């Protein structure tokens, strides 16, 4: 299993995924540090992000993250099957 991460924003009104930002492998350790994931943690959870973390994460990812209407989470996914079928497909 190859564990990768995304910063996902869920619309506060509908609860649906509204935006998603891939975390490049070389940035995972920095992002996990910002989020406060301990090295003893298996990293398989969905980690809620606070308003103070979003600007720091955006800076590391070198992108703008508008946080107004979304709740953001750092979420893992298994990238080892990425060549087989798109995530989210049965």
PDB file of N, CA and C in Angstrom:
ATOM      1  N   UNK A   1       0.846  -1.177   0.000  1.00  0.00           N
ATOM      2  CA  UNK A   1       0.000   0.000   0.000  1.00  0.00           C
ATOM      3  C   UNK A   1       0.891   1.241   0.000  1.00  0.00           C
ATOM      4  N   UNK A   2       0.638   2.147  -0.923  1.00  0.00           N
ATOM      5  CA  UNK A   2       1.338   3.416  -0.995  1.00  0.00           C
ATOM      6  C   UNK A   2       0.402   4.500  -0.493  1.00  0.00           C
ATOM      7  N   UNK A   3       0.690   5.026   0.680  1.00  0.00           N
ATOM      8  CA  UNK A   3      -0.176   6.006   1.306  1.00  0.00           C
ATOM      9  C   UNK A   3       0.171   7.410   0.832  1.00  0.00           C
ATOM     10  N   UNK A   4      -0.803   8.077   0.222  1.00  0.00           N
ATOM     11  CA  UNK A   4      -0.667   9.461  -0.231  1.00  0.00           C
ATOM     12  C   UNK A   4      -1.752  10.278   0.472  1.00  0.00           C
ATOM     13  N   UNK A   5      -1.659  11.601   0.343  1.00  0.00           N
ATOM     14  CA  UNK A   5      -2.612  12.470   1.037  1.00  0.00           C
ATOM     15  C   UNK A   5      -3.185  13.532   0.125  1.00  0.00           C
ATOM     16  N   UNK A   6      -4.391  13.969   0.494  1.00  0.00           N
ATOM     17  CA  UNK A   6      -5.062  15.086  -0.148  1.00  0.00           C
ATOM     18  C   UNK A   6      -5.583  16.010   0.942  1.00  0.00           C
ATOM     19  N   UNK A   7      -5.664  17.292   0.625  1.00  0.00           N
ATOM     20  CA  UNK A   7      -6.371  18.245   1.466  1.00  0.00           C
ATOM     21  C   UNK A   7      -7.720  18.413   0.791  1.00  0.00           C
ATOM     22  N   UNK A   8      -8.772  17.942   1.457  1.00  0.00           N
ATOM     23  CA  UNK A   8     -10.106  17.967   0.882  1.00  0.00           C
ATOM     24  C   UNK A   8     -10.983  18.965   1.611  1.00  0.00           C
ATOM     25  N   UNK A   9     -11.748  19.730   0.835  1.00  0.00           N
ATOM     26  CA  UNK A   9     -12.682  20.696   1.390  1.00  0.00           C
ATOM     27  C   UNK A   9     -14.100  20.251   1.106  1.00  0.00           C
ATOM     28  N   UNK A  10     -14.895  20.145   2.168  1.00  0.00           N
ATOM     29  CA  UNK A  10     -16.287  19.715   2.052  1.00  0.00           C
ATOM     30  C   UNK A  10     -17.210  20.904   2.284  1.00  0.00           C
ATOM     31  N   UNK A  11     -18.153  21.094   1.368  1.00  0.00           N
ATOM     32  CA  UNK A  11     -19.108  22.183   1.459  1.00  0.00           C
ATOM     33  C   UNK A  11     -19.886  22.080   2.774  1.00  0.00           C
ATOM     34  N   UNK A  12     -19.924  23.158   3.528  1.00  0.00           N
ATOM     35  CA  UNK A  12     -20.597  23.149   4.838  1.00  0.00           C
ATOM     36  C   UNK A  12     -22.105  22.957   4.711  1.00  0.00           C
ATOM     37  N   UNK A  13     -22.685  23.366   3.600  1.00  0.00           N
ATOM     38  CA  UNK A  13     -24.134  23.237   3.407  1.00  0.00           C
ATOM     39  C   UNK A  13     -24.542  21.815   3.021  1.00  0.00           C
ATOM     40  N   UNK A  14     -23.791  21.218   2.104  1.00  0.00           N
ATOM     41  CA  UNK A  14     -24.194  19.921   1.560  1.00  0.00           C
ATOM     42  C   UNK A  14     -23.385  18.747   2.100  1.00  0.00           C
ATOM     43  N   UNK A  15     -22.188  19.026   2.618  1.00  0.00           N
ATOM     44  CA  UNK A  15     -21.304  17.955   3.069  1.00  0.00           C
ATOM     45  C   UNK A  15     -20.573  17.263   1.933  1.00  0.00           C
ATOM     46  N   UNK A  16     -20.779  17.741   0.724  1.00  0.00           N
ATOM     47  CA  UNK A  16     -20.133  17.130  -0.441  1.00  0.00           C
ATOM     48  C   UNK A  16     -18.726  17.691  -0.661  1.00  0.00           C
ATOM     49  N   UNK A  17     -17.897  16.849  -1.263  1.00  0.00           N
ATOM     50  CA  UNK A  17     -16.541  17.282  -1.615  1.00  0.00           C
ATOM     51  C   UNK A  17     -16.636  18.434  -2.612  1.00  0.00           C
ATOM     52  N   UNK A  18     -16.001  19.558  -2.275  1.00  0.00           N
ATOM     53  CA  UNK A  18     -16.054  20.740  -3.134  1.00  0.00           C
ATOM     54  C   UNK A  18     -14.710  21.010  -3.806  1.00  0.00           C
ATOM     55  N   UNK A  19     -13.616  20.811  -3.068  1.00  0.00           N
ATOM     56  CA  UNK A  19     -12.273  21.031  -3.612  1.00  0.00           C
ATOM     57  C   UNK A  19     -11.317  19.991  -3.051  1.00  0.00           C
ATOM     58  N   UNK A  20     -10.272  19.720  -3.808  1.00  0.00           N
ATOM     59  CA  UNK A  20      -9.283  18.751  -3.374  1.00  0.00           C
ATOM     60  C   UNK A  20      -7.907  19.180  -3.888  1.00  0.00           C
ATOM     61  N   UNK A  21      -6.915  19.088  -3.011  1.00  0.00           N
ATOM     62  CA  UNK A  21      -5.543  19.452  -3.355  1.00  0.00           C
ATOM     63  C   UNK A  21      -4.643  18.262  -3.051  1.00  0.00           C
ATOM     64  N   UNK A  22      -3.954  17.765  -4.061  1.00  0.00           N
ATOM     65  CA  UNK A  22      -3.010  16.675  -3.850  1.00  0.00           C
ATOM     66  C   UNK A  22      -1.811  17.168  -3.061  1.00  0.00           C
ATOM     67  N   UNK A  23      -1.304  16.319  -2.181  1.00  0.00           N
ATOM     68  CA  UNK A  23      -0.087  16.617  -1.439  1.00  0.00           C
ATOM     69  C   UNK A  23       1.037  15.808  -2.090  1.00  0.00           C
ATOM     70  N   UNK A  24       1.985  16.484  -2.732  1.00  0.00           N
ATOM     71  CA  UNK A  24       3.096  15.745  -3.343  1.00  0.00           C
ATOM     72  C   UNK A  24       3.866  14.953  -2.285  1.00  0.00           C
ATOM     73  N   UNK A  25       4.371  13.807  -2.693  1.00  0.00           N
ATOM     74  CA  UNK A  25       5.076  12.926  -1.757  1.00  0.00           C
ATOM     75  C   UNK A  25       6.176  13.653  -0.989  1.00  0.00           C
ATOM     76  N   UNK A  26       6.893  14.529  -1.654  1.00  0.00           N
ATOM     77  CA  UNK A  26       7.997  15.248  -1.005  1.00  0.00           C
ATOM     78  C   UNK A  26       7.524  16.265   0.034  1.00  0.00           C
ATOM     79  N   UNK A  27       6.224  16.560   0.066  1.00  0.00           N
ATOM     80  CA  UNK A  27       5.670  17.539   1.008  1.00  0.00           C
ATOM     81  C   UNK A  27       4.888  16.893   2.153  1.00  0.00           C
ATOM     82  N   UNK A  28       4.717  15.588   2.119  1.00  0.00           N
ATOM     83  CA  UNK A  28       3.885  14.903   3.118  1.00  0.00           C
ATOM     84  C   UNK A  28       4.385  15.137   4.531  1.00  0.00           C
ATOM     85  N   UNK A  29       5.669  14.975   4.774  1.00  0.00           N
ATOM     86  CA  UNK A  29       6.208  15.122   6.130  1.00  0.00           C
ATOM     87  C   UNK A  29       5.950  16.521   6.677  1.00  0.00           C
ATOM     88  N   UNK A  30       6.122  17.542   5.844  1.00  0.00           N
ATOM     89  CA  UNK A  30       5.888  18.918   6.280  1.00  0.00           C
ATOM     90  C   UNK A  30       4.422  19.153   6.590  1.00  0.00           C
ATOM     91  N   UNK A  31       3.542  18.665   5.734  1.00  0.00           N
ATOM     92  CA  UNK A  31       2.103  18.832   5.945  1.00  0.00           C
ATOM     93  C   UNK A  31       1.669  18.103   7.210  1.00  0.00           C
ATOM     94  N   UNK A  32       2.157  16.881   7.411  1.00  0.00           N
ATOM     95  CA  UNK A  32       1.804  16.129   8.620  1.00  0.00           C
ATOM     96  C   UNK A  32       2.270  16.865   9.876  1.00  0.00           C
ATOM     97  N   UNK A  33       3.406  17.525   9.798  1.00  0.00           N
ATOM     98  CA  UNK A  33       3.904  18.294  10.935  1.00  0.00           C
ATOM     99  C   UNK A  33       2.984  19.483  11.220  1.00  0.00           C
ATOM    100  N   UNK A  34       2.556  20.182  10.189  1.00  0.00           N
ATOM    101  CA  UNK A  34       1.627  21.307  10.351  1.00  0.00           C
ATOM    102  C   UNK A  34       0.321  20.835  10.981  1.00  0.00           C
ATOM    103  N   UNK A  35      -0.165  19.691  10.527  1.00  0.00           N
ATOM    104  CA  UNK A  35      -1.427  19.149  11.025  1.00  0.00           C
ATOM    105  C   UNK A  35      -1.284  18.611  12.449  1.00  0.00           C
ATOM    106  N   UNK A  36      -0.064  18.199  12.807  1.00  0.00           N
ATOM    107  CA  UNK A  36       0.168  17.678  14.153  1.00  0.00           C
ATOM    108  C   UNK A  36      -0.006  16.176  14.265  1.00  0.00           C
ATOM    109  N   UNK A  37       0.241  15.481  13.172  1.00  0.00           N
ATOM    110  CA  UNK A  37       0.142  14.022  13.178  1.00  0.00           C
ATOM    111  C   UNK A  37       1.437  13.466  13.753  1.00  0.00           C
ATOM    112  N   UNK A  38       1.316  12.750  14.857  1.00  0.00           N
ATOM    113  CA  UNK A  38       2.484  12.180  15.531  1.00  0.00           C
ATOM    114  C   UNK A  38       3.112  11.079  14.679  1.00  0.00           C
ATOM    115  N   UNK A  39       4.417  10.905  14.829  1.00  0.00           N
ATOM    116  CA  UNK A  39       5.109   9.863  14.063  1.00  0.00           C
ATOM    117  C   UNK A  39       4.602   8.474  14.429  1.00  0.00           C
ATOM    118  N   UNK A  40       4.034   8.321  15.610  1.00  0.00           N
ATOM    119  CA  UNK A  40       3.491   7.024  16.032  1.00  0.00           C
ATOM    120  C   UNK A  40       2.105   6.766  15.439  1.00  0.00           C
ATOM    121  N   UNK A  41       1.488   7.773  14.859  1.00  0.00           N
ATOM    122  CA  UNK A  41       0.163   7.644  14.245  1.00  0.00           C
ATOM    123  C   UNK A  41       0.298   6.899  12.925  1.00  0.00           C
ATOM    124  N   UNK A  42      -0.647   6.005  12.614  1.00  0.00           N
ATOM    125  CA  UNK A  42      -0.566   5.252  11.358  1.00  0.00           C
ATOM    126  C   UNK A  42      -0.923   6.105  10.143  1.00  0.00           C
ATOM    127  N   UNK A  43      -1.472   7.306  10.372  1.00  0.00           N
ATOM    128  CA  UNK A  43      -1.775   8.212   9.275  1.00  0.00           C
ATOM    129  C   UNK A  43      -2.991   7.843   8.470  1.00  0.00           C
ATOM    130  N   UNK A  44      -3.806   6.934   8.965  1.00  0.00           N
ATOM    131  CA  UNK A  44      -4.964   6.467   8.202  1.00  0.00           C
ATOM    132  C   UNK A  44      -6.257   7.207   8.522  1.00  0.00           C
ATOM    133  N   UNK A  45      -6.193   8.214   9.384  1.00  0.00           N
ATOM    134  CA  UNK A  45      -7.397   8.936   9.753  1.00  0.00           C
ATOM    135  C   UNK A  45      -7.712  10.083   8.819  1.00  0.00           C
ATOM    136  N   UNK A  46      -8.852  10.697   9.080  1.00  0.00           N
ATOM    137  CA  UNK A  46      -9.245  11.929   8.424  1.00  0.00           C
ATOM    138  C   UNK A  46      -9.008  13.027   9.451  1.00  0.00           C
ATOM    139  N   UNK A  47      -8.094  13.939   9.161  1.00  0.00           N
ATOM    140  CA  UNK A  47      -7.642  14.912  10.151  1.00  0.00           C
ATOM    141  C   UNK A  47      -8.236  16.283   9.862  1.00  0.00           C
ATOM    142  N   UNK A  48      -9.112  16.790  10.750  1.00  0.00           N
ATOM    143  CA  UNK A  48      -9.698  18.115  10.521  1.00  0.00           C
ATOM    144  C   UNK A  48      -8.636  19.202  10.603  1.00  0.00           C
ATOM    145  N   UNK A  49      -8.771  20.189   9.747  1.00  0.00           N
ATOM    146  CA  UNK A  49      -7.805  21.279   9.682  1.00  0.00           C
ATOM    147  C   UNK A  49      -8.437  22.551  10.220  1.00  0.00           C
ATOM    148  N   UNK A  50      -7.697  23.247  11.067  1.00  0.00           N
ATOM    149  CA  UNK A  50      -8.164  24.503  11.629  1.00  0.00           C
ATOM    150  C   UNK A  50      -7.823  25.675  10.723  1.00  0.00           C
ATOM    151  N   UNK A  51      -8.498  26.792  10.963  1.00  0.00           N
ATOM    152  CA  UNK A  51      -8.296  27.992  10.148  1.00  0.00           C
ATOM    153  C   UNK A  51      -6.850  28.471  10.178  1.00  0.00           C
ATOM    154  N   UNK A  52      -6.148  28.226  11.276  1.00  0.00           N
ATOM    155  CA  UNK A  52      -4.752  28.657  11.374  1.00  0.00           C
ATOM    156  C   UNK A  52      -3.807  27.752  10.588  1.00  0.00           C
ATOM    157  N   UNK A  53      -4.243  26.529  10.271  1.00  0.00           N
ATOM    158  CA  UNK A  53      -3.398  25.589   9.526  1.00  0.00           C
ATOM    159  C   UNK A  53      -3.493  25.776   8.011  1.00  0.00           C
ATOM    160  N   UNK A  54      -4.651  26.213   7.536  1.00  0.00           N
ATOM    161  CA  UNK A  54      -4.894  26.311   6.093  1.00  0.00           C
ATOM    162  C   UNK A  54      -3.872  27.215   5.385  1.00  0.00           C
ATOM    163  N   UNK A  55      -3.600  28.423   5.876  1.00  0.00           N
ATOM    164  CA  UNK A  55      -2.605  29.262   5.175  1.00  0.00           C
ATOM    165  C   UNK A  55      -1.217  28.635   5.126  1.00  0.00           C
ATOM    166  N   UNK A  56      -0.823  27.948   6.192  1.00  0.00           N
ATOM    167  CA  UNK A  56       0.489  27.286   6.212  1.00  0.00           C
ATOM    168  C   UNK A  56       0.544  26.139   5.213  1.00  0.00           C
ATOM    169  N   UNK A  57      -0.526  25.385   5.129  1.00  0.00           N
ATOM    170  CA  UNK A  57      -0.597  24.276   4.165  1.00  0.00           C
ATOM    171  C   UNK A  57      -0.588  24.825   2.741  1.00  0.00           C
ATOM    172  N   UNK A  58      -1.349  25.894   2.495  1.00  0.00           N
ATOM    173  CA  UNK A  58      -1.391  26.506   1.160  1.00  0.00           C
ATOM    174  C   UNK A  58       0.000  26.970   0.737  1.00  0.00           C
ATOM    175  N   UNK A  59       0.738  27.517   1.676  1.00  0.00           N
ATOM    176  CA  UNK A  59       2.098  27.993   1.382  1.00  0.00           C
ATOM    177  C   UNK A  59       3.008  26.825   0.983  1.00  0.00           C
ATOM    178  N   UNK A  60       2.923  25.726   1.715  1.00  0.00           N
ATOM    179  CA  UNK A  60       3.742  24.542   1.403  1.00  0.00           C
ATOM    180  C   UNK A  60       3.351  23.956   0.047  1.00  0.00           C
ATOM    181  N   UNK A  61       2.039  23.931  -0.243  1.00  0.00           N
ATOM    182  CA  UNK A  61       1.564  23.377  -1.511  1.00  0.00           C
ATOM    183  C   UNK A  61       1.686  24.371  -2.660  1.00  0.00           C
ATOM    184  N   UNK A  62       2.051  25.611  -2.328  1.00  0.00           N
ATOM    185  CA  UNK A  62       2.206  26.674  -3.326  1.00  0.00           C
ATOM    186  C   UNK A  62       0.925  26.863  -4.138  1.00  0.00           C
ATOM    187  N   UNK A  63      -0.182  26.971  -3.399  1.00  0.00           N
ATOM    188  CA  UNK A  63      -1.475  27.196  -4.027  1.00  0.00           C
ATOM    189  C   UNK A  63      -2.350  28.026  -3.101  1.00  0.00           C
ATOM    190  N   UNK A  64      -3.357  28.643  -3.651  1.00  0.00           N
ATOM    191  CA  UNK A  64      -4.311  29.393  -2.839  1.00  0.00           C
ATOM    192  C   UNK A  64      -5.426  28.446  -2.416  1.00  0.00           C
ATOM    193  N   UNK A  65      -5.741  28.452  -1.138  1.00  0.00           N
ATOM    194  CA  UNK A  65      -6.854  27.649  -0.627  1.00  0.00           C
ATOM    195  C   UNK A  65      -7.853  28.609  -0.008  1.00  0.00           C
ATOM    196  N   UNK A  66      -9.010  28.721  -0.629  1.00  0.00           N
ATOM    197  CA  UNK A  66     -10.081  29.572  -0.097  1.00  0.00           C
ATOM    198  C   UNK A  66     -10.902  28.732   0.858  1.00  0.00           C
ATOM    199  N   UNK A  67     -10.941  29.141   2.104  1.00  0.00           N
ATOM    200  CA  UNK A  67     -11.565  28.319   3.123  1.00  0.00           C
ATOM    201  C   UNK A  67     -12.950  28.782   3.552  1.00  0.00           C
ATOM    202  N   UNK A  68     -13.523  29.738   2.865  1.00  0.00           N
ATOM    203  CA  UNK A  68     -14.748  30.376   3.327  1.00  0.00           C
ATOM    204  C   UNK A  68     -15.939  29.435   3.520  1.00  0.00           C
ATOM    205  N   UNK A  69     -16.269  28.618   2.558  1.00  0.00           N
ATOM    206  CA  UNK A  69     -17.494  27.817   2.632  1.00  0.00           C
ATOM    207  C   UNK A  69     -17.238  26.328   2.847  1.00  0.00           C
ATOM    208  N   UNK A  70     -16.002  25.971   3.199  1.00  0.00           N
ATOM    209  CA  UNK A  70     -15.664  24.554   3.320  1.00  0.00           C
ATOM    210  C   UNK A  70     -15.029  24.230   4.660  1.00  0.00           C
ATOM    211  N   UNK A  71     -15.226  22.994   5.068  1.00  0.00           N
ATOM    212  CA  UNK A  71     -14.475  22.413   6.180  1.00  0.00           C
ATOM    213  C   UNK A  71     -13.400  21.544   5.539  1.00  0.00           C
ATOM    214  N   UNK A  72     -12.155  21.737   5.972  1.00  0.00           N
ATOM    215  CA  UNK A  72     -11.035  21.040   5.348  1.00  0.00           C
ATOM    216  C   UNK A  72     -10.491  19.917   6.225  1.00  0.00           C
ATOM    217  N   UNK A  73     -10.011  18.876   5.544  1.00  0.00           N
ATOM    218  CA  UNK A  73      -9.435  17.708   6.203  1.00  0.00           C
ATOM    219  C   UNK A  73      -8.229  17.233   5.405  1.00  0.00           C
ATOM    220  N   UNK A  74      -7.244  16.706   6.119  1.00  0.00           N
ATOM    221  CA  UNK A  74      -6.155  15.978   5.472  1.00  0.00           C
ATOM    222  C   UNK A  74      -6.579  14.523   5.480  1.00  0.00           C
ATOM    223  N   UNK A  75      -6.627  13.926   4.289  1.00  0.00           N
ATOM    224  CA  UNK A  75      -7.130  12.554   4.181  1.00  0.00           C
ATOM    225  C   UNK A  75      -6.194  11.691   3.344  1.00  0.00           C
ATOM    226  N   UNK A  76      -5.965  10.467   3.806  1.00  0.00           N
ATOM    227  CA  UNK A  76      -5.085   9.553   3.067  1.00  0.00           C
ATOM    228  C   UNK A  76      -5.852   8.771   2.002  1.00  0.00           C
ATOM    229  N   UNK A  77      -5.099   8.266   1.049  1.00  0.00           N
ATOM    230  CA  UNK A  77      -5.646   7.310   0.094  1.00  0.00           C
ATOM    231  C   UNK A  77      -4.522   6.387  -0.348  1.00  0.00           C
ATOM    232  N   UNK A  78      -4.914   5.218  -0.828  1.00  0.00           N
ATOM    233  CA  UNK A  78      -3.954   4.214  -1.283  1.00  0.00           C
ATOM    234  C   UNK A  78      -3.643   4.460  -2.753  1.00  0.00           C
ATOM    235  N   UNK A  79      -2.434   4.863  -3.041  1.00  0.00           N
ATOM    236  CA  UNK A  79      -2.033   5.177  -4.412  1.00  0.00           C
ATOM    237  C   UNK A  79      -1.469   3.967  -5.153  1.00  0.00           C
ATOM    238  N   UNK A  80      -1.323   2.842  -4.499  1.00  0.00           N
ATOM    239  CA  UNK A  80      -0.711   1.681  -5.150  1.00  0.00           C
ATOM    240  C   UNK A  80      -1.585   1.105  -6.255  1.00  0.00           C
ATOM    241  N   UNK A  81      -2.882   1.440  -6.230  1.00  0.00           N
ATOM    242  CA  UNK A  81      -3.789   0.938  -7.264  1.00  0.00           C
ATOM    243  C   UNK A  81      -4.107   2.000  -8.299  1.00  0.00           C
ATOM    244  N   UNK A  82      -3.407   3.112  -8.294  1.00  0.00           N
ATOM    245  CA  UNK A  82      -3.761   4.232  -9.163  1.00  0.00           C
ATOM    246  C   UNK A  82      -3.728   3.877 -10.655  1.00  0.00           C
ATOM    247  N   UNK A  83      -2.917   2.933 -11.043  1.00  0.00           N
ATOM    248  CA  UNK A  83      -2.870   2.535 -12.443  1.00  0.00           C
ATOM    249  C   UNK A  83      -3.991   1.614 -12.832  1.00  0.00           C
ATOM    250  N   UNK A  84      -4.710   1.057 -11.866  1.00  0.00           N
ATOM    251  CA  UNK A  84      -5.754   0.090 -12.169  1.00  0.00           C
ATOM    252  C   UNK A  84      -7.101   0.733 -12.473  1.00  0.00           C
ATOM    253  N   UNK A  85      -7.523   1.679 -11.622  1.00  0.00           N
ATOM    254  CA  UNK A  85      -8.805   2.348 -11.841  1.00  0.00           C
ATOM    255  C   UNK A  85      -8.819   3.635 -11.031  1.00  0.00           C
ATOM    256  N   UNK A  86      -9.582   4.627 -11.462  1.00  0.00           N
ATOM    257  CA  UNK A  86      -9.637   5.884 -10.713  1.00  0.00           C
ATOM    258  C   UNK A  86     -10.237   5.666  -9.336  1.00  0.00           C
ATOM    259  N   UNK A  87      -9.711   6.432  -8.342  1.00  0.00           N
ATOM    260  CA  UNK A  87     -10.273   6.367  -6.997  1.00  0.00           C
ATOM    261  C   UNK A  87     -11.722   6.781  -7.058  1.00  0.00           C
ATOM    262  N   UNK A  88     -12.521   6.202  -6.199  1.00  0.00           N
ATOM    263  CA  UNK A  88     -13.921   6.545  -6.125  1.00  0.00           C
ATOM    264  C   UNK A  88     -14.781   5.742  -7.092  1.00  0.00           C
ATOM    265  N   UNK A  89     -14.167   4.899  -7.890  1.00  0.00           N
ATOM    266  CA  UNK A  89     -14.915   4.058  -8.810  1.00  0.00           C
ATOM    267  C   UNK A  89     -15.032   2.652  -8.215  1.00  0.00           C
ATOM    268  N   UNK A  90     -16.154   1.996  -8.441  1.00  0.00           N
ATOM    269  CA  UNK A  90     -16.336   0.630  -7.901  1.00  0.00           C
ATOM    270  C   UNK A  90     -15.400  -0.382  -8.529  1.00  0.00           C
TER     271      UNK A  90
END
